[in-house]
C-alpha atoms as a PDB file:
ATOM      1  CA  UNK A   1      -0.002  -0.016  -0.010  1.00  0.00           C
ATOM      2  CA  UNK A   2       1.054   3.623  -0.420  1.00  0.00           C
ATOM      3  CA  UNK A   3       0.123   6.991   0.780  1.00  0.00           C
ATOM      4  CA  UNK A   4       1.115  10.393   2.093  1.00  0.00           C
ATOM      5  CA  UNK A   5      -0.189  10.006   5.670  1.00  0.00           C
ATOM      6  CA  UNK A   6      -0.143  13.770   6.251  1.00  0.00           C
ATOM      7  CA  UNK A   7      -2.407  14.001   9.250  1.00  0.00           C
ATOM      8  CA  UNK A   8      -2.569  10.534  10.541  1.00  0.00           C
ATOM      9  CA  UNK A   9      -6.263   9.618  11.072  1.00  0.00           C
ATOM     10  CA  UNK A  10      -8.783   6.783  11.391  1.00  0.00           C
ATOM     11  CA  UNK A  11      -8.938   6.204   7.663  1.00  0.00           C
ATOM     12  CA  UNK A  12      -5.108   5.571   7.650  1.00  0.00           C
ATOM     13  CA  UNK A  13      -5.497   3.249  10.610  1.00  0.00           C
ATOM     14  CA  UNK A  14      -8.163   1.093   8.867  1.00  0.00           C
ATOM     15  CA  UNK A  15      -6.031   0.797   5.756  1.00  0.00           C
ATOM     16  CA  UNK A  16      -2.941  -0.312   7.816  1.00  0.00           C
ATOM     17  CA  UNK A  17      -4.885  -2.740   9.999  1.00  0.00           C
ATOM     18  CA  UNK A  18      -6.429  -4.265   6.913  1.00  0.00           C
ATOM     19  CA  UNK A  19      -2.924  -4.790   5.486  1.00  0.00           C
ATOM     20  CA  UNK A  20      -1.679  -6.290   8.731  1.00  0.00           C
ATOM     21  CA  UNK A  21      -4.703  -8.580   8.987  1.00  0.00           C
ATOM     22  CA  UNK A  22      -3.873 -10.301   5.704  1.00  0.00           C
ATOM     23  CA  UNK A  23      -1.017 -12.012   7.620  1.00  0.00           C
ATOM     24  CA  UNK A  24       1.528 -11.108   4.952  1.00  0.00           C
ATOM     25  CA  UNK A  25       4.510  -8.816   5.195  1.00  0.00           C
ATOM     26  CA  UNK A  26       3.346  -5.239   4.759  1.00  0.00           C
ATOM     27  CA  UNK A  27       5.235  -3.090   2.260  1.00  0.00           C
ATOM     28  CA  UNK A  28       4.363   0.633   2.627  1.00  0.00           C
ATOM     29  CA  UNK A  29       5.228   3.262   0.087  1.00  0.00           C
ATOM     30  CA  UNK A  30       5.466   6.630   1.839  1.00  0.00           C
ATOM     31  CA  UNK A  31       5.429   9.553  -0.597  1.00  0.00           C
ATOM     32  CA  UNK A  32       8.533  11.734  -0.635  1.00  0.00           C
ATOM     33  CA  UNK A  33       8.344  15.482  -0.096  1.00  0.00           C
ATOM     34  CA  UNK A  34       9.404  16.164  -3.616  1.00  0.00           C
ATOM     35  CA  UNK A  35       6.731  13.848  -5.092  1.00  0.00           C
ATOM     36  CA  UNK A  36       3.977  15.380  -2.984  1.00  0.00           C
ATOM     37  CA  UNK A  37       4.749  19.018  -3.573  1.00  0.00           C
ATOM     38  CA  UNK A  38       3.051  19.075  -7.026  1.00  0.00           C
ATOM     39  CA  UNK A  39      -0.050  17.166  -5.803  1.00  0.00           C
ATOM     40  CA  UNK A  40      -0.934  18.499  -2.367  1.00  0.00           C
ATOM     41  CA  UNK A  41      -1.711  21.941  -0.990  1.00  0.00           C
ATOM     42  CA  UNK A  42       0.301  21.316   2.091  1.00  0.00           C
ATOM     43  CA  UNK A  43       2.791  18.781   3.263  1.00  0.00           C
ATOM     44  CA  UNK A  44       4.131  17.572   6.620  1.00  0.00           C
ATOM     45  CA  UNK A  45       7.820  16.729   6.281  1.00  0.00           C
ATOM     46  CA  UNK A  46       8.741  13.178   5.363  1.00  0.00           C
ATOM     47  CA  UNK A  47      10.620  12.410   8.538  1.00  0.00           C
ATOM     48  CA  UNK A  48       7.623  13.439  10.674  1.00  0.00           C
ATOM     49  CA  UNK A  49       5.249  11.355   8.681  1.00  0.00           C
ATOM     50  CA  UNK A  50       7.692   8.353   8.778  1.00  0.00           C
ATOM     51  CA  UNK A  51       8.083   8.568  12.561  1.00  0.00           C
ATOM     52  CA  UNK A  52       4.243   8.638  13.044  1.00  0.00           C
ATOM     53  CA  UNK A  53       3.704   5.692  10.659  1.00  0.00           C
ATOM     54  CA  UNK A  54       6.395   3.583  12.394  1.00  0.00           C
ATOM     55  CA  UNK A  55       4.905   4.303  15.758  1.00  0.00           C
ATOM     56  CA  UNK A  56       1.528   2.927  14.659  1.00  0.00           C
ATOM     57  CA  UNK A  57       2.963  -0.151  12.899  1.00  0.00           C
ATOM     58  CA  UNK A  58       5.207  -1.074  15.869  1.00  0.00           C
ATOM     59  CA  UNK A  59       2.090  -1.376  18.053  1.00  0.00           C
ATOM     60  CA  UNK A  60       0.708  -4.245  15.963  1.00  0.00           C
ATOM     61  CA  UNK A  61       3.546  -5.923  14.051  1.00  0.00           C
ATOM     62  CA  UNK A  62       7.220  -5.919  13.151  1.00  0.00           C
ATOM     63  CA  UNK A  63       6.525  -7.644   9.836  1.00  0.00           C
ATOM     64  CA  UNK A  64       6.724  -4.565   7.679  1.00  0.00           C
ATOM     65  CA  UNK A  65       8.953  -2.342   5.611  1.00  0.00           C
ATOM     66  CA  UNK A  66       8.608   1.327   4.520  1.00  0.00           C
ATOM     67  CA  UNK A  67       9.970   2.653   1.251  1.00  0.00           C
ATOM     68  CA  UNK A  68      10.146   6.202   0.046  1.00  0.00           C
ATOM     69  CA  UNK A  69       7.691   6.634  -2.772  1.00  0.00           C
ATOM     70  CA  UNK A  70       8.623   8.889  -5.705  1.00  0.00           C
ATOM     71  CA  UNK A  71       5.969   7.731  -8.233  1.00  0.00           C
ATOM     72  CA  UNK A  72       2.605   6.013  -8.300  1.00  0.00           C
ATOM     73  CA  UNK A  73       3.994   2.597  -8.808  1.00  0.00           C
ATOM     74  CA  UNK A  74       6.539   2.071  -5.923  1.00  0.00           C
ATOM     75  CA  UNK A  75       7.263  -1.679  -5.624  1.00  0.00           C
ATOM     76  CA  UNK A  76       4.087  -2.791  -7.502  1.00  0.00           C
ATOM     77  CA  UNK A  77       5.796  -3.385 -10.810  1.00  0.00           C
ATOM     78  CA  UNK A  78       8.659  -5.348  -9.223  1.00  0.00           C
ATOM     79  CA  UNK A  79       6.992  -7.679  -6.756  1.00  0.00           C
ATOM     80  CA  UNK A  80       5.774 -11.052  -8.109  1.00  0.00           C
ATOM     81  CA  UNK A  81       2.557 -11.222  -6.128  1.00  0.00           C
ATOM     82  CA  UNK A  82       0.853  -9.234  -3.420  1.00  0.00           C
ATOM     83  CA  UNK A  83      -2.367  -7.808  -2.065  1.00  0.00           C
ATOM     84  CA  UNK A  84      -2.817  -4.150  -3.048  1.00  0.00           C
ATOM     85  CA  UNK A  85      -4.590  -2.244  -0.283  1.00  0.00           C
ATOM     86  CA  UNK A  86      -6.419   0.812  -1.613  1.00  0.00           C
ATOM     87  CA  UNK A  87      -9.236   3.233  -0.669  1.00  0.00           C
ATOM     88  CA  UNK A  88     -12.135   4.022  -3.019  1.00  0.00           C
ATOM     89  CA  UNK A  89     -10.238   7.293  -3.806  1.00  0.00           C
ATOM     90  CA  UNK A  90      -7.147   5.344  -5.047  1.00  0.00           C
ATOM     91  CA  UNK A  91      -8.950   2.308  -6.565  1.00  0.00           C
ATOM     92  CA  UNK A  92      -8.539   3.695 -10.051  1.00  0.00           C
ATOM     93  CA  UNK A  93      -4.745   3.860  -9.547  1.00  0.00           C
ATOM     94  CA  UNK A  94      -4.781   0.143  -8.603  1.00  0.00           C
ATOM     95  CA  UNK A  95      -6.553  -0.690 -11.861  1.00  0.00           C
ATOM     96  CA  UNK A  96      -3.936   1.372 -13.653  1.00  0.00           C
ATOM     97  CA  UNK A  97      -1.149  -0.564 -11.994  1.00  0.00           C
ATOM     98  CA  UNK A  98      -2.646  -3.888 -12.924  1.00  0.00           C
ATOM     99  CA  UNK A  99      -3.016  -2.739 -16.527  1.00  0.00           C
ATOM    100  CA  UNK A 100       0.710  -1.920 -16.521  1.00  0.00           C
ATOM    101  CA  UNK A 101       1.544  -5.311 -15.039  1.00  0.00           C
ATOM    102  CA  UNK A 102      -0.482  -6.918 -17.782  1.00  0.00           C
ATOM    103  CA  UNK A 103       1.512  -5.074 -20.439  1.00  0.00           C
ATOM    104  CA  UNK A 104       4.622  -6.442 -18.744  1.00  0.00           C
ATOM    105  CA  UNK A 105       3.219  -9.987 -18.781  1.00  0.00           C
ATOM    106  CA  UNK A 106       2.901 -10.089 -14.978  1.00  0.00           C
ATOM    107  CA  UNK A 107       0.030 -11.409 -13.047  1.00  0.00           C
ATOM    108  CA  UNK A 108      -2.323  -8.825 -11.575  1.00  0.00           C
ATOM    109  CA  UNK A 109      -2.088  -7.965  -7.939  1.00  0.00           C
ATOM    110  CA  UNK A 110      -5.082  -8.834  -5.739  1.00  0.00           C
ATOM    111  CA  UNK A 111      -6.890  -5.541  -5.008  1.00  0.00           C
ATOM    112  CA  UNK A 112      -8.429  -5.133  -1.545  1.00  0.00           C
ATOM    113  CA  UNK A 113     -10.565  -1.928  -1.426  1.00  0.00           C
ATOM    114  CA  UNK A 114     -11.068  -0.571   2.085  1.00  0.00           C
ATOM    115  CA  UNK A 115     -14.235   1.511   2.612  1.00  0.00           C
ATOM    116  CA  UNK A 116     -14.063   5.182   3.672  1.00  0.00           C
ATOM    117  CA  UNK A 117     -13.965   6.023   7.266  1.00  0.00           C
ATOM    118  CA  UNK A 118     -16.545   8.707   7.685  1.00  0.00           C
ATOM    119  CA  UNK A 119     -16.486  11.731   9.832  1.00  0.00           C
ATOM    120  CA  UNK A 120     -19.443  12.749  12.072  1.00  0.00           C
ATOM    121  CA  UNK A 121     -20.927  14.559   9.104  1.00  0.00           C
ATOM    122  CA  UNK A 122     -20.943  11.454   6.821  1.00  0.00           C
ATOM    123  CA  UNK A 123     -18.175  12.868   4.655  1.00  0.00           C
ATOM    124  CA  UNK A 124     -14.830  10.980   4.533  1.00  0.00           C
ATOM    125  CA  UNK A 125     -12.185  11.823   6.965  1.00  0.00           C
ATOM    126  CA  UNK A 126      -9.220  13.327   5.103  1.00  0.00           C
ATOM    127  CA  UNK A 127      -5.897  15.072   6.006  1.00  0.00           C
ATOM    128  CA  UNK A 128      -7.148  18.128   4.005  1.00  0.00           C
ATOM    129  CA  UNK A 129     -10.165  18.553   6.115  1.00  0.00           C
ATOM    130  CA  UNK A 130      -8.105  18.153   9.284  1.00  0.00           C
ATOM    131  CA  UNK A 131      -5.593  20.744   7.973  1.00  0.00           C
ATOM    132  CA  UNK A 132      -8.366  23.216   7.268  1.00  0.00           C
ATOM    133  CA  UNK A 133      -9.689  22.838  10.832  1.00  0.00           C
ATOM    134  CA  UNK A 134     -13.022  21.370   9.859  1.00  0.00           C
ATOM    135  CA  UNK A 135     -12.652  18.105  11.683  1.00  0.00           C
ATOM    136  CA  UNK A 136     -10.450  16.411  14.272  1.00  0.00           C
ATOM    137  CA  UNK A 137      -8.322  13.403  13.558  1.00  0.00           C
ATOM    138  CA  UNK A 138     -11.077  11.171  14.808  1.00  0.00           C
ATOM    139  CA  UNK A 139     -13.709  12.771  12.587  1.00  0.00           C
ATOM    140  CA  UNK A 140     -15.541  15.041  14.999  1.00  0.00           C
ATOM    141  CA  UNK A 141     -16.775  18.361  13.577  1.00  0.00           C
ATOM    142  CA  UNK A 142     -15.267  21.419  15.152  1.00  0.00           C
ATOM    143  CA  UNK A 143     -18.104  23.686  13.921  1.00  0.00           C
ATOM    144  CA  UNK A 144     -21.743  22.512  13.853  1.00  0.00           C
ATOM    145  CA  UNK A 145     -22.941  20.567  10.885  1.00  0.00           C
ATOM    146  CA  UNK A 146     -25.399  22.865   9.188  1.00  0.00           C
ATOM    147  CA  UNK A 147     -28.661  21.141   8.066  1.00  0.00           C
ATOM    148  CA  UNK A 148     -31.637  22.875   6.451  1.00  0.00           C
ATOM    149  CA  UNK A 149     -35.115  21.421   6.060  1.00  0.00           C
ATOM    150  CA  UNK A 150     -37.611  23.164   3.822  1.00  0.00           C
ATOM    151  CA  UNK A 151     -40.911  22.885   5.759  1.00  0.00           C
ATOM    152  CA  UNK A 152     -43.520  24.636   7.782  1.00  0.00           C
ATOM    153  CA  UNK A 153     -44.358  21.453   9.569  1.00  0.00           C
ATOM    154  CA  UNK A 154     -42.626  21.000  12.908  1.00  0.00           C
ATOM    155  CA  UNK A 155     -43.309  17.259  12.819  1.00  0.00           C
ATOM    156  CA  UNK A 156     -40.803  16.863   9.920  1.00  0.00           C
ATOM    157  CA  UNK A 157     -38.257  18.896  11.739  1.00  0.00           C
ATOM    158  CA  UNK A 158     -38.718  16.864  14.939  1.00  0.00           C
ATOM    159  CA  UNK A 159     -38.220  13.655  13.019  1.00  0.00           C
ATOM    160  CA  UNK A 160     -35.080  14.945  11.310  1.00  0.00           C
ATOM    161  CA  UNK A 161     -33.544  15.965  14.609  1.00  0.00           C
ATOM    162  CA  UNK A 162     -34.367  12.648  16.223  1.00  0.00           C
ATOM    163  CA  UNK A 163     -32.728  10.760  13.379  1.00  0.00           C
ATOM    164  CA  UNK A 164     -29.649  12.912  13.382  1.00  0.00           C
ATOM    165  CA  UNK A 165     -29.249  12.586  17.145  1.00  0.00           C
ATOM    166  CA  UNK A 166     -28.451   8.939  16.653  1.00  0.00           C
ATOM    167  CA  UNK A 167     -25.334   9.693  14.566  1.00  0.00           C
ATOM    168  CA  UNK A 168     -24.272  13.265  15.201  1.00  0.00           C
ATOM    169  CA  UNK A 169     -23.609  15.385  18.261  1.00  0.00           C
ATOM    170  CA  UNK A 170     -22.522  18.766  16.828  1.00  0.00           C
ATOM    171  CA  UNK A 171     -25.263  19.878  14.441  1.00  0.00           C
ATOM    172  CA  UNK A 172     -27.818  22.631  13.865  1.00  0.00           C
ATOM    173  CA  UNK A 173     -31.154  22.150  12.050  1.00  0.00           C
ATOM    174  CA  UNK A 174     -32.588  25.286  10.402  1.00  0.00           C
ATOM    175  CA  UNK A 175     -36.082  25.506   8.982  1.00  0.00           C
ATOM    176  CA  UNK A 176     -36.201  27.089   5.487  1.00  0.00           C
ATOM    177  CA  UNK A 177     -39.601  28.648   4.744  1.00  0.00           C
ATOM    178  CA  UNK A 178     -38.641  30.186   1.418  1.00  0.00           C
ATOM    179  CA  UNK A 179     -39.904  27.567  -1.016  1.00  0.00           C
ATOM    180  CA  UNK A 180     -42.956  26.980  -3.128  1.00  0.00           C
ATOM    181  CA  UNK A 181     -44.909  23.948  -4.292  1.00  0.00           C
ATOM    182  CA  UNK A 182     -47.199  23.995  -7.297  1.00  0.00           C
ATOM    183  CA  UNK A 183     -49.793  21.653  -5.842  1.00  0.00           C
ATOM    184  CA  UNK A 184     -51.212  20.848  -2.403  1.00  0.00           C
ATOM    185  CA  UNK A 185     -51.639  17.199  -3.302  1.00  0.00           C
ATOM    186  CA  UNK A 186     -48.727  15.574  -5.275  1.00  0.00           C
ATOM    187  CA  UNK A 187     -49.478  12.477  -7.387  1.00  0.00           C
ATOM    188  CA  UNK A 188     -46.924  10.083  -8.937  1.00  0.00           C
ATOM    189  CA  UNK A 189     -43.762  11.749 -10.123  1.00  0.00           C
ATOM    190  CA  UNK A 190     -44.811  15.116  -8.548  1.00  0.00           C
ATOM    191  CA  UNK A 191     -43.886  13.732  -5.148  1.00  0.00           C
ATOM    192  CA  UNK A 192     -40.128  13.099  -5.754  1.00  0.00           C
ATOM    193  CA  UNK A 193     -39.942  16.253  -7.894  1.00  0.00           C
ATOM    194  CA  UNK A 194     -41.328  18.541  -5.153  1.00  0.00           C
ATOM    195  CA  UNK A 195     -39.176  16.789  -2.455  1.00  0.00           C
ATOM    196  CA  UNK A 196     -36.058  17.539  -4.484  1.00  0.00           C
ATOM    197  CA  UNK A 197     -37.159  21.091  -5.131  1.00  0.00           C
ATOM    198  CA  UNK A 198     -37.602  21.606  -1.377  1.00  0.00           C
ATOM    199  CA  UNK A 199     -34.095  20.218  -0.779  1.00  0.00           C
ATOM    200  CA  UNK A 200     -32.442  22.432  -3.389  1.00  0.00           C
ATOM    201  CA  UNK A 201     -34.147  25.569  -2.132  1.00  0.00           C
ATOM    202  CA  UNK A 202     -32.681  25.162   1.264  1.00  0.00           C
ATOM    203  CA  UNK A 203     -29.090  24.243   0.449  1.00  0.00           C
ATOM    204  CA  UNK A 204     -27.291  27.581   0.234  1.00  0.00           C
ATOM    205  CA  UNK A 205     -24.164  27.366   2.401  1.00  0.00           C
ATOM    206  CA  UNK A 206     -25.394  24.495   4.498  1.00  0.00           C
ATOM    207  CA  UNK A 207     -23.748  20.987   4.688  1.00  0.00           C
ATOM    208  CA  UNK A 208     -27.075  19.340   3.941  1.00  0.00           C
ATOM    209  CA  UNK A 209     -30.574  20.274   2.874  1.00  0.00           C
ATOM    210  CA  UNK A 210     -33.636  18.146   3.277  1.00  0.00           C
ATOM    211  CA  UNK A 211     -36.967  18.056   1.431  1.00  0.00           C
ATOM    212  CA  UNK A 212     -39.796  15.653   2.460  1.00  0.00           C
ATOM    213  CA  UNK A 213     -43.044  15.407   0.515  1.00  0.00           C
ATOM    214  CA  UNK A 214     -46.001  13.099   0.917  1.00  0.00           C
ATOM    215  CA  UNK A 215     -47.896  12.018  -2.141  1.00  0.00           C
ATOM    216  CA  UNK A 216     -50.185   9.460  -3.765  1.00  0.00           C
ATOM    217  CA  UNK A 217     -49.224   6.625  -6.020  1.00  0.00           C
ATOM    218  CA  UNK A 218     -51.813   4.875  -8.124  1.00  0.00           C
ATOM    219  CA  UNK A 219     -51.442   1.078  -8.609  1.00  0.00           C
ATOM    220  CA  UNK A 220     -53.232   0.086 -11.829  1.00  0.00           C
ATOM    221  CA  UNK A 221     -53.118  -3.603 -11.004  1.00  0.00           C
ATOM    222  CA  UNK A 222     -55.396  -3.476  -8.089  1.00  0.00           C
ATOM    223  CA  UNK A 223     -56.912   0.005  -8.673  1.00  0.00           C
ATOM    224  CA  UNK A 224     -55.677   1.336  -5.336  1.00  0.00           C
ATOM    225  CA  UNK A 225     -54.175   4.636  -4.250  1.00  0.00           C
ATOM    226  CA  UNK A 226     -51.190   4.453  -1.824  1.00  0.00           C
ATOM    227  CA  UNK A 227     -49.897   7.293   0.343  1.00  0.00           C
ATOM    228  CA  UNK A 228     -46.116   7.445   0.887  1.00  0.00           C
ATOM    229  CA  UNK A 229     -43.416   9.893   1.975  1.00  0.00           C
ATOM    230  CA  UNK A 230     -40.361  10.786  -0.205  1.00  0.00           C
ATOM    231  CA  UNK A 231     -37.235  12.314   1.292  1.00  0.00           C
ATOM    232  CA  UNK A 232     -34.520  13.996  -0.751  1.00  0.00           C
ATOM    233  CA  UNK A 233     -31.116  14.881   0.796  1.00  0.00           C
ATOM    234  CA  UNK A 234     -28.710  17.132  -1.108  1.00  0.00           C
ATOM    235  CA  UNK A 235     -25.234  17.827   0.333  1.00  0.00           C
ATOM    236  CA  UNK A 236     -22.749  20.687  -0.154  1.00  0.00           C
ATOM    237  CA  UNK A 237     -21.189  18.733  -3.027  1.00  0.00           C
ATOM    238  CA  UNK A 238     -24.547  18.628  -4.869  1.00  0.00           C
ATOM    239  CA  UNK A 239     -24.946  14.918  -4.400  1.00  0.00           C
ATOM    240  CA  UNK A 240     -28.568  13.836  -3.884  1.00  0.00           C
ATOM    241  CA  UNK A 241     -29.787  10.700  -2.129  1.00  0.00           C
ATOM    242  CA  UNK A 242     -33.348   9.713  -1.764  1.00  0.00           C
ATOM    243  CA  UNK A 243     -35.566   7.478   0.401  1.00  0.00           C
ATOM    244  CA  UNK A 244     -39.130   6.387   0.456  1.00  0.00           C
ATOM    245  CA  UNK A 245     -41.327   5.358   3.405  1.00  0.00           C
ATOM    246  CA  UNK A 246     -43.705   2.394   3.548  1.00  0.00           C
ATOM    247  CA  UNK A 247     -46.822   3.041   1.438  1.00  0.00           C
ATOM    248  CA  UNK A 248     -50.343   2.331   2.753  1.00  0.00           C
ATOM    249  CA  UNK A 249     -53.718   2.031   0.963  1.00  0.00           C
ATOM    250  CA  UNK A 250     -56.132   4.963   1.269  1.00  0.00           C
ATOM    251  CA  UNK A 251     -59.801   4.333   2.003  1.00  0.00           C
ATOM    252  CA  UNK A 252     -62.067   4.870  -0.960  1.00  0.00           C
ATOM    253  CA  UNK A 253     -64.116   7.608   0.625  1.00  0.00           C
ATOM    254  CA  UNK A 254     -60.983   9.643   1.194  1.00  0.00           C
ATOM    255  CA  UNK A 255     -59.802   8.995  -2.405  1.00  0.00           C
ATOM    256  CA  UNK A 256     -63.220  10.140  -3.781  1.00  0.00           C
ATOM    257  CA  UNK A 257     -62.899  13.497  -1.977  1.00  0.00           C
ATOM    258  CA  UNK A 258     -59.228  13.902  -3.038  1.00  0.00           C
ATOM    259  CA  UNK A 259     -60.250  13.382  -6.662  1.00  0.00           C
ATOM    260  CA  UNK A 260     -62.488  16.426  -6.371  1.00  0.00           C
ATOM    261  CA  UNK A 261     -59.333  18.577  -5.886  1.00  0.00           C
ATOM    262  CA  UNK A 262     -58.660  18.587  -2.162  1.00  0.00           C
ATOM    263  CA  UNK A 263     -55.503  17.446  -0.410  1.00  0.00           C
ATOM    264  CA  UNK A 264     -55.580  14.368   1.783  1.00  0.00           C
ATOM    265  CA  UNK A 265     -55.466  16.559   4.945  1.00  0.00           C
ATOM    266  CA  UNK A 266     -58.313  18.694   3.731  1.00  0.00           C
ATOM    267  CA  UNK A 267     -60.297  15.540   2.808  1.00  0.00           C
ATOM    268  CA  UNK A 268     -59.793  14.277   6.462  1.00  0.00           C
ATOM    269  CA  UNK A 269     -61.065  17.641   7.734  1.00  0.00           C
ATOM    270  CA  UNK A 270     -64.180  17.498   5.494  1.00  0.00           C
ATOM    271  CA  UNK A 271     -65.047  13.873   6.148  1.00  0.00           C
ATOM    272  CA  UNK A 272     -64.106  13.473   9.801  1.00  0.00           C
ATOM    273  CA  UNK A 273     -63.915  17.086  10.993  1.00  0.00           C
ATOM    274  CA  UNK A 274     -60.242  16.644  12.028  1.00  0.00           C
ATOM    275  CA  UNK A 275     -58.162  19.718  11.150  1.00  0.00           C
ATOM    276  CA  UNK A 276     -54.376  19.772  10.505  1.00  0.00           C
ATOM    277  CA  UNK A 277     -54.004  16.042  10.872  1.00  0.00           C
ATOM    278  CA  UNK A 278     -50.853  16.165   8.809  1.00  0.00           C
ATOM    279  CA  UNK A 279     -49.083  18.145  11.490  1.00  0.00           C
ATOM    280  CA  UNK A 280     -49.843  15.599  14.172  1.00  0.00           C
ATOM    281  CA  UNK A 281     -50.656  11.831  13.789  1.00  0.00           C
ATOM    282  CA  UNK A 282     -51.422  11.992  10.060  1.00  0.00           C
ATOM    283  CA  UNK A 283     -53.963   9.992   8.158  1.00  0.00           C
ATOM    284  CA  UNK A 284     -51.922   6.842   8.964  1.00  0.00           C
ATOM    285  CA  UNK A 285     -52.705   7.423  12.620  1.00  0.00           C
ATOM    286  CA  UNK A 286     -56.378   7.561  11.959  1.00  0.00           C
ATOM    287  CA  UNK A 287     -56.641   4.484   9.706  1.00  0.00           C
ATOM    288  CA  UNK A 288     -54.262   2.402  11.861  1.00  0.00           C
ATOM    289  CA  UNK A 289     -56.126   3.175  15.057  1.00  0.00           C
ATOM    290  CA  UNK A 290     -53.089   5.176  16.148  1.00  0.00           C
ATOM    291  CA  UNK A 291     -50.730   2.217  16.154  1.00  0.00           C
ATOM    292  CA  UNK A 292     -48.639   4.016  13.484  1.00  0.00           C
ATOM    293  CA  UNK A 293     -48.206   7.724  13.199  1.00  0.00           C
ATOM    294  CA  UNK A 294     -46.993  10.068  10.507  1.00  0.00           C
ATOM    295  CA  UNK A 295     -43.826  10.742  12.446  1.00  0.00           C
ATOM    296  CA  UNK A 296     -42.884   7.088  11.935  1.00  0.00           C
ATOM    297  CA  UNK A 297     -43.201   7.353   8.139  1.00  0.00           C
ATOM    298  CA  UNK A 298     -41.372  10.624   8.015  1.00  0.00           C
ATOM    299  CA  UNK A 299     -38.575   9.096  10.024  1.00  0.00           C
ATOM    300  CA  UNK A 300     -38.465   6.017   7.726  1.00  0.00           C
ATOM    301  CA  UNK A 301     -38.078   8.131   4.668  1.00  0.00           C
ATOM    302  CA  UNK A 302     -35.243  10.182   6.202  1.00  0.00           C
ATOM    303  CA  UNK A 303     -33.480   6.946   7.289  1.00  0.00           C
ATOM    304  CA  UNK A 304     -33.765   5.459   3.898  1.00  0.00           C
ATOM    305  CA  UNK A 305     -32.385   8.586   2.156  1.00  0.00           C
ATOM    306  CA  UNK A 306     -29.318   8.446   4.428  1.00  0.00           C
ATOM    307  CA  UNK A 307     -28.665   4.742   3.967  1.00  0.00           C
ATOM    308  CA  UNK A 308     -26.630   5.360   0.818  1.00  0.00           C
ATOM    309  CA  UNK A 309     -24.375   7.709   2.832  1.00  0.00           C
ATOM    310  CA  UNK A 310     -23.389   5.037   5.326  1.00  0.00           C
ATOM    311  CA  UNK A 311     -21.342   3.218   2.607  1.00  0.00           C
ATOM    312  CA  UNK A 312     -20.744   5.790  -0.178  1.00  0.00           C
ATOM    313  CA  UNK A 313     -17.961   3.616  -1.661  1.00  0.00           C
ATOM    314  CA  UNK A 314     -20.579   1.146  -2.880  1.00  0.00           C
ATOM    315  CA  UNK A 315     -22.415   3.826  -5.011  1.00  0.00           C
ATOM    316  CA  UNK A 316     -21.152   5.283  -8.281  1.00  0.00           C
ATOM    317  CA  UNK A 317     -22.808   8.705  -7.649  1.00  0.00           C
ATOM    318  CA  UNK A 318     -20.048   9.557  -5.144  1.00  0.00           C
ATOM    319  CA  UNK A 319     -16.635  10.673  -6.323  1.00  0.00           C
ATOM    320  CA  UNK A 320     -14.674  11.874  -3.275  1.00  0.00           C
ATOM    321  CA  UNK A 321     -11.431  12.548  -5.097  1.00  0.00           C
ATOM    322  CA  UNK A 322     -12.360  16.216  -5.361  1.00  0.00           C
ATOM    323  CA  UNK A 323     -14.230  16.487  -2.024  1.00  0.00           C
ATOM    324  CA  UNK A 324     -11.802  18.581   0.156  1.00  0.00           C
END
């Protein structure tokens, strides 16, 4: 494996522990100061990085060696066989190395891709972010994670805060009220479209912006309308992830009133004389005899929208090479 190991952090530790756990001798290429100068905005001196690297390795094994790295290949075009330990960020370099080995009639190296170690904000820990003072070496945010949600419904804000509390300690949630929707009752593709629009309207200089919309989906097979929640999450790098809640069948009398042009909430008010149900238990509360409430569905949609962000290395929409 190779690297610069500028600010030694948890991501480096996982890479090295993965290499050690193979049971093989670990060969580490540590980039020289001259090689790094043209590729990094800052550089800690080689001797300092070498000392820190040795200190970590000596805690776990003596079966290793460190070479000064002056190009992207290091020992990889010389050694007969090996495991090549890479991050998602450097995986493309591993492919390039194996292509070069193929040209030289050498067997490809076995590539082991180690997932990102994420900071508290679900963005990868990096030496650059540590250098800029955004996070600590362990991934804690130094300033609050800024998260916007475009809504006038405190139920959505509460569900978002409760979800984030499971994973983050240092964050602020801000309600954005400057958004517009072109319908009070979304159908079909309108639901994800409006959720995305809400999210984009609130992004500004925030780390994340959230948009949640409830809407109806018509199933032609059984002639039934389903109600579901759609959550869109856009981050400061303009990457969007989405999630959908469980859907449930609407009673026919409510559907009949909605067809006349009212929203589901207004239909509940007209039929059952229950105002603002969408800001409390929701229609799901009424039809489930209060065993399930709208909060649960909102929370489910938020959770599902963030699932992709737990393992961003598995999804092609993420390219963290430029995320500094």
